[in-house]
């Protein structure tokens, strides 16, 4: 008989970590950590965080009904709680979550990788989880949990017996990454790249580089920095790493002096094959996502794997099973007029670098018969006064598309810069663009949708999928005959 798995936390250990007091009904062993009763599983601990739009204290009863082992609440709110519910009373629930995250980090011997960068954080984090997971038990932050609550939540969920941990660190403003890095305390800090993302909040791109460099402040003694050697801000970041006491700085890319250097690559529609020199070791690998930018970040993954002591060959082999996170290249078939079309969902977010990368992938995606490559693009936000010009400057990159549909006032600048033959339609917002796109689709088309979250391109993707439900394999075969 297999032994029962050890709990993630005992109530007593969680009380000690958070400085809280156990009260109410009996608390059970904790198998997971939740801040949302909609996704809470039986045995989870519920942190009743007060957010901008809701207060978790109102859902403690629901958490108990859903099988929560206990709930963390503010001491001053105990009188509002349902009777008989297991509670852990603390001074501040978000502060307690952060304390639990720090305690989880302190109790594990796992080798930790922290990932930040203007573009590619989540995909790189997922690739690292695969690569390191091939060598030992690996814990990684879920989705894009990379902010002041997402990072401690991810840390608090890390099992003590993990061999590796991978955490994503994000920011919109200067001063945000430093405290997150202090919690994560990575052995390896990865910066994928520096681009003019959230530039409206910064005086220039160099300031963005400095904000990303805050990750170095939390790096463990003897740790390493992994930086994009092909990025113009490499030297600035390398100097910042050394100033923070990091003695090992590894550059990755195609530059001749990169310690992790791409030797050759074959870009394909569904992925790529590549050969790289990883700090003196030649490694061939396949990666299960298309795009040169994915290959570039795979170099960072291999660098981090080697620096953490993982088996490099196992890490490289694992990359072949990499799939896209939601909204970052997921492909869906649509049953449209005249056959089956392919929808590429890149709607999670957008900036100039990721938009160009997505358009490049669209250009390498094969089409059959009379199919066309179609780009459906929403505004890229937080670009400041240069926003209109940055949208207009996408015109050469958009040449990979046969038709371009644009939504939003900023995308009007791109629309006007396009040759008339490639203009699909422009609309003031994604909802107004939807019917214009839907009526033009036909069999064998490939449609890529991308825009900043605020441009609401995600709902457009879902609406297309609902309007043109995926055909069965038999129907797809019939339509191709």
Protein backbone atom coordinates (compact mmCIF):
# COMPACT_ATOMS: atom_id res chain seq x y z
CA UNK A 1 0.00 0.00 0.00
CA UNK A 2 1.31 3.45 -0.95
CA UNK A 3 1.91 5.88 1.89
CA UNK A 4 -0.36 8.90 2.00
CA UNK A 5 1.32 12.02 0.63
CA UNK A 6 2.65 14.46 3.20
CA UNK A 7 0.48 17.55 3.63
CA UNK A 8 1.68 20.79 2.10
CA UNK A 9 1.21 22.44 5.49
CA UNK A 10 0.02 21.42 8.92
CA UNK A 11 -2.23 24.01 10.59
CA UNK A 12 0.40 24.43 13.29
CA UNK A 13 3.19 25.07 10.80
CA UNK A 14 1.04 27.61 8.97
CA UNK A 15 0.22 29.34 12.25
CA UNK A 16 3.91 29.50 13.12
CA UNK A 17 4.80 30.87 9.67
CA UNK A 18 2.15 33.59 9.72
CA UNK A 19 2.11 34.48 13.42
CA UNK A 20 -1.57 33.57 13.50
CA UNK A 21 -3.85 31.99 16.08
CA UNK A 22 -5.89 28.86 15.36
CA UNK A 23 -9.51 29.21 16.44
CA UNK A 24 -12.99 28.01 15.57
CA UNK A 25 -13.60 24.44 14.42
CA UNK A 26 -10.89 21.78 14.02
CA UNK A 27 -8.49 22.40 11.15
CA UNK A 28 -7.37 19.61 8.85
CA UNK A 29 -4.07 19.08 7.04
CA UNK A 30 -3.55 21.49 4.16
CA UNK A 31 -3.08 20.13 0.65
CA UNK A 32 -3.16 23.40 -1.29
CA UNK A 33 -3.41 27.18 -1.05
CA UNK A 34 -6.24 29.26 -2.51
CA UNK A 35 -7.41 32.87 -2.62
CA UNK A 36 -10.49 32.13 -4.74
CA UNK A 37 -13.38 29.91 -3.62
CA UNK A 38 -14.34 29.30 -7.26
CA UNK A 39 -11.21 27.22 -7.76
CA UNK A 40 -10.66 26.07 -4.17
CA UNK A 41 -10.26 22.31 -3.72
CA UNK A 42 -11.13 20.24 -0.65
CA UNK A 43 -8.22 20.42 1.79
CA UNK A 44 -7.01 23.85 0.62
CA UNK A 45 -6.33 26.69 3.00
CA UNK A 46 -8.27 29.82 2.01
CA UNK A 47 -6.60 33.22 2.40
CA UNK A 48 -9.43 35.77 2.68
CA UNK A 49 -7.62 38.61 0.91
CA UNK A 50 -9.25 42.01 0.60
CA UNK A 51 -8.91 43.14 -3.01
CA UNK A 52 -9.96 46.25 -4.90
CA UNK A 53 -13.26 44.73 -5.99
CA UNK A 54 -14.07 42.05 -3.42
CA UNK A 55 -13.34 41.01 0.15
CA UNK A 56 -12.42 37.38 0.74
CA UNK A 57 -13.92 37.50 4.23
CA UNK A 58 -17.37 37.40 2.61
CA UNK A 59 -16.57 33.97 1.17
CA UNK A 60 -15.23 32.14 4.21
CA UNK A 61 -18.49 30.25 4.61
CA UNK A 62 -18.40 29.16 0.98
CA UNK A 63 -14.78 28.07 1.41
CA UNK A 64 -15.82 25.84 4.31
CA UNK A 65 -18.70 24.40 2.27
CA UNK A 66 -16.21 23.59 -0.49
CA UNK A 67 -14.03 21.64 1.96
CA UNK A 68 -11.39 24.18 2.99
CA UNK A 69 -9.08 22.85 5.70
CA UNK A 70 -9.13 26.30 7.31
CA UNK A 71 -9.37 29.97 6.39
CA UNK A 72 -7.01 32.84 7.21
CA UNK A 73 -8.90 35.95 8.32
CA UNK A 74 -8.13 39.24 10.01
CA UNK A 75 -8.34 39.17 13.80
CA UNK A 76 -10.71 42.11 13.79
CA UNK A 77 -13.17 40.26 11.57
CA UNK A 78 -13.58 37.12 13.70
CA UNK A 79 -17.00 38.25 14.89
CA UNK A 80 -18.27 38.18 11.30
CA UNK A 81 -17.20 34.60 10.62
CA UNK A 82 -19.59 31.59 10.54
CA UNK A 83 -19.65 29.47 13.69
CA UNK A 84 -17.74 26.21 13.77
CA UNK A 85 -15.46 27.09 10.83
CA UNK A 86 -11.74 26.42 11.25
CA UNK A 87 -9.93 29.75 11.23
CA UNK A 88 -6.42 31.13 11.50
CA UNK A 89 -6.60 34.71 12.75
CA UNK A 90 -3.82 37.06 11.59
CA UNK A 91 -3.19 40.79 11.61
CA UNK A 92 -3.13 41.11 7.80
CA UNK A 93 -4.12 38.37 5.36
CA UNK A 94 -1.95 39.48 2.44
CA UNK A 95 0.97 39.92 4.84
CA UNK A 96 0.31 36.41 6.13
CA UNK A 97 0.35 35.05 2.57
CA UNK A 98 3.70 36.70 2.02
CA UNK A 99 4.99 35.27 5.31
CA UNK A 100 3.81 31.80 4.27
CA UNK A 101 5.61 32.22 0.96
CA UNK A 102 8.85 33.20 2.68
CA UNK A 103 8.53 30.26 5.07
CA UNK A 104 7.94 27.84 2.20
CA UNK A 105 11.04 29.18 0.48
CA UNK A 106 13.10 28.89 3.66
CA UNK A 107 12.19 25.28 4.39
CA UNK A 108 13.09 23.82 0.98
CA UNK A 109 16.46 22.82 -0.43
CA UNK A 110 15.18 23.31 -3.99
CA UNK A 111 17.29 25.10 -6.58
CA UNK A 112 15.29 28.20 -7.54
CA UNK A 113 15.06 30.08 -10.83
CA UNK A 114 13.45 33.52 -11.07
CA UNK A 115 12.29 34.75 -14.48
CA UNK A 116 11.51 38.29 -15.57
CA UNK A 117 11.73 40.28 -18.80
CA UNK A 118 9.61 42.48 -21.02
CA UNK A 119 8.47 39.60 -23.22
CA UNK A 120 8.35 35.82 -22.90
CA UNK A 121 8.28 35.41 -19.11
CA UNK A 122 5.42 32.94 -18.91
CA UNK A 123 6.45 30.75 -21.84
CA UNK A 124 10.03 30.66 -20.54
CA UNK A 125 8.77 29.77 -17.07
CA UNK A 126 6.69 26.92 -18.53
CA UNK A 127 9.67 25.70 -20.57
CA UNK A 128 11.85 25.75 -17.44
CA UNK A 129 9.23 23.76 -15.53
CA UNK A 130 9.33 21.11 -18.26
CA UNK A 131 13.11 21.07 -18.56
CA UNK A 132 13.83 20.91 -14.83
CA UNK A 133 10.89 18.57 -14.24
CA UNK A 134 12.63 15.99 -16.40
CA UNK A 135 15.37 15.85 -13.75
CA UNK A 136 13.41 16.05 -10.49
CA UNK A 137 10.23 17.23 -8.74
CA UNK A 138 9.67 20.79 -9.92
CA UNK A 139 7.25 23.43 -8.68
CA UNK A 140 6.39 26.42 -10.87
CA UNK A 141 4.10 29.40 -10.49
CA UNK A 142 0.73 28.95 -12.16
CA UNK A 143 -0.44 31.05 -15.10
CA UNK A 144 1.07 34.55 -14.87
CA UNK A 145 1.09 34.76 -11.08
CA UNK A 146 3.93 37.26 -11.02
CA UNK A 147 2.83 40.16 -8.80
CA UNK A 148 2.59 41.08 -5.10
CA UNK A 149 0.02 38.37 -4.41
CA UNK A 150 0.83 35.89 -7.20
CA UNK A 151 4.46 35.37 -6.18
CA UNK A 152 3.81 34.64 -2.48
CA UNK A 153 0.84 32.46 -3.44
CA UNK A 154 3.09 30.45 -5.75
CA UNK A 155 5.77 30.18 -3.08
CA UNK A 156 3.28 29.07 -0.43
CA UNK A 157 2.18 26.25 -2.76
CA UNK A 158 5.73 24.87 -3.13
CA UNK A 159 6.16 21.41 -1.55
CA UNK A 160 9.10 21.17 0.81
CA UNK A 161 10.51 18.19 -1.12
CA UNK A 162 10.75 20.07 -4.44
CA UNK A 163 14.08 19.69 -6.22
CA UNK A 164 13.54 22.80 -8.35
CA UNK A 165 11.33 25.87 -8.22
CA UNK A 166 10.53 28.29 -11.05
CA UNK A 167 8.92 31.66 -10.37
CA UNK A 168 7.85 34.47 -12.68
CA UNK A 169 8.36 38.07 -11.52
CA UNK A 170 6.52 40.92 -13.24
CA UNK A 171 6.17 44.66 -12.88
CA UNK A 172 4.42 47.74 -14.23
CA UNK A 173 6.46 50.26 -12.25
CA UNK A 174 9.93 50.60 -10.80
CA UNK A 175 10.38 49.16 -7.32
CA UNK A 176 8.06 46.18 -7.77
CA UNK A 177 10.48 43.38 -8.69
CA UNK A 178 12.94 43.94 -5.82
CA UNK A 179 10.57 42.84 -3.03
CA UNK A 180 9.41 39.86 -5.09
CA UNK A 181 12.99 38.74 -5.67
CA UNK A 182 13.68 39.06 -1.95
CA UNK A 183 10.88 36.54 -1.34
CA UNK A 184 11.90 34.14 -4.12
CA UNK A 185 15.66 34.30 -3.44
CA UNK A 186 16.60 32.70 -6.75
CA UNK A 187 19.84 30.86 -7.36
CA UNK A 188 19.52 31.82 -11.04
CA UNK A 189 17.92 35.06 -12.28
CA UNK A 190 16.79 35.08 -15.93
CA UNK A 191 15.93 38.26 -17.83
CA UNK A 192 14.49 37.24 -21.20
CA UNK A 193 14.79 40.66 -22.84
CA UNK A 194 14.20 44.38 -22.33
CA UNK A 195 11.74 46.17 -24.63
CA UNK A 196 9.59 49.33 -24.46
CA UNK A 197 6.79 47.62 -22.53
CA UNK A 198 4.85 49.75 -19.98
CA UNK A 199 6.96 52.59 -21.40
CA UNK A 200 4.26 55.07 -20.36
CA UNK A 201 5.37 54.47 -16.76
CA UNK A 202 9.08 55.06 -17.46
CA UNK A 203 11.19 57.91 -18.85
CA UNK A 204 13.01 55.58 -21.27
CA UNK A 205 13.86 51.95 -22.02
CA UNK A 206 17.01 52.15 -19.91
CA UNK A 207 14.79 52.76 -16.88
CA UNK A 208 12.86 49.61 -17.78
CA UNK A 209 16.16 47.71 -17.84
CA UNK A 210 16.99 49.08 -14.39
CA UNK A 211 13.59 47.96 -13.07
CA UNK A 212 14.14 44.45 -14.44
CA UNK A 213 17.61 44.45 -12.85
CA UNK A 214 15.96 44.65 -9.43
CA UNK A 215 15.73 40.84 -9.64
CA UNK A 216 19.46 40.69 -8.88
CA UNK A 217 18.96 42.05 -5.37
CA UNK A 218 17.41 38.78 -4.20
CA UNK A 219 19.84 36.36 -5.83
CA UNK A 220 21.41 33.92 -3.39
CA UNK A 221 25.17 34.16 -2.68
CA UNK A 222 27.06 32.30 -5.40
CA UNK A 223 24.09 32.65 -7.77
CA UNK A 224 24.04 33.54 -11.45
CA UNK A 225 22.37 35.89 -13.91
CA UNK A 226 21.24 34.73 -17.38
CA UNK A 227 20.86 37.63 -19.82
CA UNK A 228 19.99 38.12 -23.48
CA UNK A 229 23.33 38.79 -25.19
CA UNK A 230 21.57 39.99 -28.34
CA UNK A 231 19.65 42.70 -26.50
CA UNK A 232 21.15 46.22 -26.60
CA UNK A 233 20.80 46.50 -22.82
CA UNK A 234 22.95 43.46 -22.05
CA UNK A 235 25.95 45.43 -20.78
CA UNK A 236 23.77 47.61 -18.56
CA UNK A 237 22.16 44.53 -17.03
CA UNK A 238 25.49 42.71 -16.68
CA UNK A 239 26.96 45.66 -14.80
CA UNK A 240 23.93 45.78 -12.53
CA UNK A 241 24.31 42.06 -11.81
CA UNK A 242 27.95 42.46 -10.90
CA UNK A 243 27.15 45.49 -8.74
CA UNK A 244 24.70 43.27 -6.85
CA UNK A 245 27.51 40.82 -6.11
CA UNK A 246 26.68 38.23 -8.78
CA UNK A 247 29.91 36.74 -10.05
CA UNK A 248 28.48 34.54 -12.81
CA UNK A 249 26.81 36.34 -15.71
CA UNK A 250 25.84 34.18 -18.68
CA UNK A 251 24.79 35.64 -22.01
CA UNK A 252 22.54 33.71 -24.38
CA UNK A 253 21.76 34.36 -28.04
CA UNK A 254 23.41 34.42 -31.43
CA UNK A 255 26.24 36.82 -30.59
CA UNK A 256 29.67 35.32 -31.03
CA UNK A 257 30.64 35.87 -27.39
CA UNK A 258 27.44 34.43 -25.90
CA UNK A 259 28.28 31.60 -23.50
CA UNK A 260 25.05 29.90 -24.56
CA UNK A 261 25.07 30.38 -28.32
CA UNK A 262 22.69 29.34 -31.06
CA UNK A 263 24.72 27.49 -33.71
CA UNK A 264 21.92 26.66 -36.14
CA UNK A 265 18.13 26.58 -36.26
CA UNK A 266 15.41 25.26 -38.55
CA UNK A 267 12.15 27.15 -37.99
CA UNK A 268 9.04 25.11 -38.72
CA UNK A 269 5.30 25.70 -38.59
CA UNK A 270 4.69 23.70 -35.40
CA UNK A 271 8.08 24.08 -33.71
CA UNK A 272 11.80 24.30 -34.35
CA UNK A 273 14.94 22.23 -34.23
CA UNK A 274 18.18 23.82 -33.10
CA UNK A 275 21.81 23.24 -32.19
CA UNK A 276 23.43 25.25 -29.41
CA UNK A 277 26.68 25.54 -27.52
CA UNK A 278 25.72 25.60 -23.84
CA UNK A 279 28.80 26.73 -21.95
CA UNK A 280 31.04 24.42 -23.93
CA UNK A 281 28.58 21.54 -24.34
CA UNK A 282 26.97 21.03 -27.75
CA UNK A 283 23.24 20.36 -27.42
CA UNK A 284 20.68 19.61 -30.10
CA UNK A 285 17.03 20.07 -29.24
CA UNK A 286 13.53 20.31 -30.61
CA UNK A 287 11.04 22.77 -29.19
CA UNK A 288 7.32 22.28 -29.50
CA UNK A 289 6.37 25.90 -30.23
CA UNK A 290 7.07 27.88 -33.41
CA UNK A 291 9.05 31.09 -33.65
CA UNK A 292 12.63 32.31 -33.42
CA UNK A 293 11.79 34.15 -30.21
CA UNK A 294 10.85 30.81 -28.62
CA UNK A 295 14.20 29.33 -29.65
CA UNK A 296 15.96 32.37 -28.18
CA UNK A 297 14.28 31.86 -24.82
CA UNK A 298 14.98 28.12 -24.96
CA UNK A 299 18.66 29.07 -24.80
CA UNK A 300 17.97 30.82 -21.50
CA UNK A 301 16.19 27.69 -20.28
CA UNK A 302 19.17 25.50 -21.11
CA UNK A 303 21.53 27.96 -19.43
CA UNK A 304 19.45 27.95 -16.24
CA UNK A 305 19.17 24.17 -16.30
CA UNK A 306 22.94 23.79 -16.46
CA UNK A 307 23.52 26.39 -13.76
CA UNK A 308 21.10 24.67 -11.37
CA UNK A 309 22.90 21.36 -11.86
CA UNK A 310 20.08 19.66 -13.78
CA UNK A 311 20.80 17.03 -16.43
CA UNK A 312 21.21 19.11 -19.59
CA UNK A 313 20.34 16.29 -21.98
CA UNK A 314 17.09 15.54 -20.15
CA UNK A 315 16.25 19.23 -20.10
CA UNK A 316 16.84 19.57 -23.84
CA UNK A 317 14.72 16.53 -24.66
CA UNK A 318 11.84 17.80 -22.54
CA UNK A 319 11.49 20.97 -24.64
CA UNK A 320 9.92 18.99 -27.48
CA UNK A 321 6.72 18.66 -25.45
CA UNK A 322 6.38 22.39 -24.76
CA UNK A 323 2.89 23.67 -25.54
CA UNK A 324 1.51 27.20 -25.56
CA UNK A 325 0.06 28.73 -22.39
CA UNK A 326 -3.50 30.08 -22.81
CA UNK A 327 -3.63 33.13 -25.06
CA UNK A 328 -0.06 32.65 -26.27
CA UNK A 329 -0.35 30.66 -29.47
CA UNK A 330 -3.08 28.10 -28.73
CA UNK A 331 -4.51 26.82 -32.01
CA UNK A 332 -8.17 26.00 -32.59
CA UNK A 333 -9.99 24.72 -35.67
CA UNK A 334 -13.01 26.69 -36.87
CA UNK A 335 -15.78 25.29 -39.07
CA UNK A 336 -16.22 28.25 -41.43
CA UNK A 337 -17.76 28.75 -44.82
CA UNK A 338 -16.05 26.50 -47.31
CA UNK A 339 -14.17 24.29 -44.86
CA UNK A 340 -11.93 24.50 -41.81
CA UNK A 341 -9.85 27.48 -40.71
CA UNK A 342 -7.14 27.67 -38.03
CA UNK A 343 -7.37 30.23 -35.23
CA UNK A 344 -4.13 31.18 -33.44
CA UNK A 345 -4.95 32.77 -30.09
CA UNK A 346 -2.24 35.29 -29.13
CA UNK A 347 -4.70 37.47 -27.25
CA UNK A 348 -3.18 37.33 -23.76
CA UNK A 349 -1.28 40.60 -24.13
CA UNK A 350 0.74 42.60 -26.63
CA UNK A 351 3.66 44.95 -27.02
CA UNK A 352 5.79 45.85 -30.00
CA UNK A 353 8.22 42.95 -29.56
CA UNK A 354 5.59 40.25 -29.00
CA UNK A 355 3.42 41.63 -31.82
CA UNK A 356 6.30 41.39 -34.29
CA UNK A 357 7.10 37.88 -33.08
CA UNK A 358 3.48 36.76 -33.48
CA UNK A 359 3.31 38.24 -36.98
CA UNK A 360 6.54 36.42 -37.87
CA UNK A 361 5.04 33.11 -36.70
CA UNK A 362 1.93 33.82 -38.77
CA UNK A 363 4.19 34.26 -41.77
CA UNK A 364 5.74 30.81 -41.29
CA UNK A 365 2.38 29.07 -40.84
CA UNK A 366 1.47 27.18 -44.03
CA UNK A 367 -1.89 27.67 -45.71
CA UNK A 368 -3.56 25.30 -48.14
CA UNK A 369 -5.68 25.88 -51.20
CA UNK A 370 -7.17 29.36 -51.28
CA UNK A 371 -6.39 29.98 -47.64
CA UNK A 372 -5.04 33.33 -46.45
CA UNK A 373 -2.98 34.48 -43.51
CA UNK A 374 -5.14 36.92 -41.55
CA UNK A 375 -4.00 39.14 -38.68
CA UNK A 376 -6.64 40.51 -36.29
CA UNK A 377 -4.94 43.12 -34.13
CA UNK A 378 -6.01 45.24 -31.16
CA UNK A 379 -4.35 48.24 -29.60
CA UNK A 380 -1.07 47.85 -27.75
CA UNK A 381 -1.47 49.88 -24.57
CA UNK A 382 0.80 51.70 -22.09
CA UNK A 383 3.10 52.99 -24.83
CA UNK A 384 2.84 56.67 -23.90
CA UNK A 385 3.09 59.48 -26.42
CA UNK A 386 4.91 57.26 -28.93
CA UNK A 387 2.01 54.80 -29.12
CA UNK A 388 0.61 55.94 -32.44
CA UNK A 389 4.02 55.86 -34.13
CA UNK A 390 4.76 52.40 -32.69
CA UNK A 391 1.54 51.08 -34.18
CA UNK A 392 2.28 52.66 -37.56
CA UNK A 393 5.76 51.16 -37.54
CA UNK A 394 4.27 47.65 -37.44
CA UNK A 395 3.35 47.92 -41.13
CA UNK A 396 6.45 46.09 -42.45
CA UNK A 397 6.00 43.27 -39.90
CA UNK A 398 2.33 43.00 -40.89
CA UNK A 399 3.39 42.19 -44.46
CA UNK A 400 3.33 38.52 -43.40
CA UNK A 401 -0.49 38.75 -43.47
CA UNK A 402 -2.65 38.74 -46.59
CA UNK A 403 -5.39 40.60 -44.70
CA UNK A 404 -5.14 42.75 -41.57
CA UNK A 405 -8.11 43.65 -39.37
CA UNK A 406 -7.56 46.35 -36.75
CA UNK A 407 -9.48 47.36 -33.61
CA UNK A 408 -8.97 50.49 -31.55
CA UNK A 409 -7.88 54.11 -32.00
CA UNK A 410 -4.16 53.35 -31.91
CA UNK A 411 -4.45 50.57 -34.49
CA UNK A 412 -5.97 53.12 -36.83
CA UNK A 413 -2.41 54.32 -37.43
CA UNK A 414 -1.35 50.85 -38.62
CA UNK A 415 -4.52 50.53 -40.69
CA UNK A 416 -3.75 53.76 -42.54
CA UNK A 417 -0.15 52.64 -43.17
CA UNK A 418 -1.20 49.38 -44.86
CA UNK A 419 -1.54 48.93 -48.60
CA UNK A 420 -5.22 48.96 -49.53
CA UNK A 421 -5.06 45.38 -50.79
CA UNK A 422 -4.21 44.10 -47.31
CA UNK A 423 -6.84 46.09 -45.43
CA UNK A 424 -9.50 43.79 -44.00
CA UNK A 425 -11.44 46.23 -41.84
CA UNK A 426 -10.98 48.70 -38.99
CA UNK A 427 -13.38 49.16 -36.09
CA UNK A 428 -13.26 51.29 -32.94
CA UNK A 429 -13.16 48.23 -30.67
CA UNK A 430 -12.96 44.43 -30.72
CA UNK A 431 -16.72 43.91 -30.32
CA UNK A 432 -17.42 46.02 -33.40
CA UNK A 433 -14.68 44.23 -35.35
CA UNK A 434 -16.01 40.73 -34.62
CA UNK A 435 -18.78 40.59 -37.28
CA UNK A 436 -16.47 42.14 -39.87
CA UNK A 437 -13.92 39.39 -39.31
CA UNK A 438 -16.50 36.60 -39.10
CA UNK A 439 -18.10 37.39 -42.44
CA UNK A 440 -14.78 37.28 -44.29
CA UNK A 441 -13.47 33.92 -43.04
CA UNK A 442 -13.30 30.92 -45.34
CA UNK A 443 -11.85 27.43 -45.40
CA UNK A 444 -8.05 27.03 -45.09
CA UNK A 445 -7.57 30.52 -43.64
CA UNK A 446 -5.15 30.97 -40.73
CA UNK A 447 -6.28 33.73 -38.35
CA UNK A 448 -3.97 35.17 -35.69
CA UNK A 449 -5.54 37.40 -33.01
CA UNK A 450 -3.42 39.62 -30.76
CA UNK A 451 -3.73 42.74 -28.66
CA UNK A 452 -3.20 44.10 -25.16
CA UNK A 453 -5.52 42.74 -22.50
CA UNK A 454 -7.33 46.06 -22.35
CA UNK A 455 -8.15 45.87 -26.05
CA UNK A 456 -10.46 42.90 -25.34
CA UNK A 457 -9.19 40.59 -28.06
CA UNK A 458 -9.65 37.55 -25.79
CA UNK A 459 -13.47 37.82 -25.94
CA UNK A 460 -13.20 38.14 -29.72
CA UNK A 461 -11.30 34.83 -29.82
CA UNK A 462 -13.93 33.14 -27.68
CA UNK A 463 -16.72 34.57 -29.80
CA UNK A 464 -15.17 33.21 -33.00
CA UNK A 465 -14.79 29.77 -31.41
CA UNK A 466 -18.44 29.83 -30.32
CA UNK A 467 -19.69 31.08 -33.68
CA UNK A 468 -17.71 28.50 -35.65
CA UNK A 469 -17.49 25.41 -33.38
CA UNK A 470 -14.58 23.10 -34.12
CA UNK A 471 -15.55 20.38 -36.60
CA UNK A 472 -15.18 16.70 -35.87
CA UNK A 473 -12.22 14.94 -37.47
CA UNK A 474 -14.60 13.30 -39.94
CA UNK A 475 -16.10 16.64 -40.92
CA UNK A 476 -12.63 18.13 -41.29
CA UNK A 477 -11.60 15.23 -43.55
CA UNK A 478 -14.72 15.62 -45.68
CA UNK A 479 -14.11 19.35 -46.13
CA UNK A 480 -10.59 18.72 -47.41
CA UNK A 481 -11.58 16.24 -50.07
